[in-house]
Amino acid sequence: MAFEQLTEYERKRLQNIKRNDEVFASLKILSKASDLSAAVKRQKVETKSYKVSPQKKVKSETPVVIRRSLRTRGMPPDSKGLTDDFAHSDNKNSKSFSLEKSSSPDLEESSSPNVSGPISFKDAYADRSESGSDRPLIDAILSVAKQHHGGLIEEKADGVLDIEKKPQVTVCVKPECDENLSEKCDFGSLVKDCDGSKACKDEFSGKHDACSSDLMKGVVKTEKSEHGSHVDLGSLTLKPNNIARLMPGKILIVKFFPSNDMRMIMAGNKYGNVGFWNLNPMQEGEDGIYLYRTHTGPISGIEVQQSCLSKIFTSCYDGFIRLMDVEKEVFDLVHSSEYSIYSLSQNPNNVNTLYFSEGQGGLNIWDVRTKKSTTECRVHEARINTIDFNSQNLSIMASSSSDGTACLWDLRRMHTHKPKPLKIASHKKAVHAAYFSPSGKSLATTSYDDKVGIWSGVNFEDTSMIHHNNQTGRWLSSFRAVWGWDDSYVFIGNMRRGVDVISPAQRRIIKTLESPYLSAIPCRFHAHPYEVGMLAGATSGGQVYVWTSSQESAEE
């Protein structure tokens, strides 16, 4: 009856709908669309993640009073106004009250990373639940530090180390002495050591330009080892178990723990958190992720003291440098500054000295033992982003700055007032990184002008500018090109969720590491100093990816 009451147009419309449904069913369009959607959809991988215990909100004992105006309550307005005492009160009284209020003990406990003193592991550890404990991390670091201290490193009285290391890369670097170098230089006398390296006495005569070219001339000579110098890029793979979300927010620095006995990642983010990820935890069922909140601003540097692996320095934009002492289980305050600290480094030849940048272009050389600054000077016109040392001539330092330059310095002739660089590598925009190659023969710079510079030659006069899109924007960490395990390759992230591999010899990008497990753009990288084929990359979302060699995995 209902169908008979329909109009001619409605009956024809229903017939068309029925006919179209039959056509779609015969073509199986809906099933094919669902299969195509399932194939295109990105595979979701379960990754490890940090744990933070939620803080319970304390209920207020005083009842909440809802304010209502006199008009809504139907009462006449109060024409008395403010009292004379309140109207003529000084503004200083209100400020002093706020200061007294902010100095309460409760607020000091809530903002513990900003205290000018030591912070215990218990207060800084993020996971304060009953099941969460950082004891496995402490035991692992202490165990590795004990093995490392058992005869591998001997520290002299002046803080200089005799280091006996396992070869870090497959390139063999052999120092070569220039017999005529001491005769050419008038600023100091060069003394040969038993191993063929050189040390310069602090005898300055002021002549700088005459000897700047001879400092880097003939000091190092590279020769390939019997095992070859190239890394098989095709063997680098990313596995799901080597992916973890280490911390919240943007990661600014990522590094491997400098030991071949333990695979562990160290990272710092923009919120002042320092995280550790043990890739091979000792206990089964443990993710190996530990998170501490030690600062109140972005982390700018993480350095492990080579003479004692249980001591780790961290620097921050808040002007604090802290020492993570694993034995004492405390983050001690080493240095505090009124300026932001943008980079931190340590000379491998002197473990008692820290090199860090302060403010706009300031360089501070800090003695940890005396807790005093030995040298404080301005070397750039803008902030210093990175500080690095030449592996074969530790007196040569490289600095990158937002003023558009990367400079090479001789630490033996650093004057406080007007230091002069040995070499200036110029870019059109800010230089975010400048790192020496493992052999010390080349320098890689990364700039916001979409260029990756390779500076090589006797005096780093040979320049190769390789185009690369470095426009990361404000939400991503800036790209920083890092060297691999020899001088063959440079690794840098790209905006397509991949890792570009640059060949300095060919002066171009020769390969891009891609993986379906990459869900974000990796910005900061670090190659393991002892294990060839292990590369770590960090994103602005707190994820860390670790590439390993498939040949190594097959052997395991």
Foldseek 3Di string as FASTA:
>chain_A
DVVVPDDPVVVVVVVVVVVVVVVCVVVVPVVVVVVVVVVPDFDDFDAAEDDFDDDDDDDDPDDDDDDDDCVVVVHDDDPPPDDPCVVPDDPVVVVVVVVVVCPDPVNCLVPVLPDQWKDFLQSFWRHNDPPDDCVLVLVVLVVQLVVLLPPQWDADPVQFIDGDDDAQFQWDKAFDDDPCLQVQDDQFGWDADPRRAIDTDLRGPPDDPSNLLVVLFRGIDIDGDPVGHDDDPVQWDFDRLQKYQQDFFFWQAKEFQQDPVFTKIWTWHFQQKIKMATSDGPDPPDRRIIITRNHGGTKQEWDAQSNGRQWIWTFGQQQWIWICRSVVRMTGTLGGDPFGWRHWDDQNRGSQWIWTWGFFQWIFIAGRVVSDTPAIAGDHRGTWHYKEAQPSQRQWIWIFFQVFWIFIDGNSQQDRYDGDTSDIDGDPGGWNDWYAFNNSFWIWIDGCVQWIWIFGDSSSPDIATEGHHQCPDDLWHTADWDYESGLQWIWIWHPVQWIFIAGPVVSYTDDIGDDSNRPATFGYKYYRSHDHAWIWTAIRRSMIIIIGGNVVVVVD
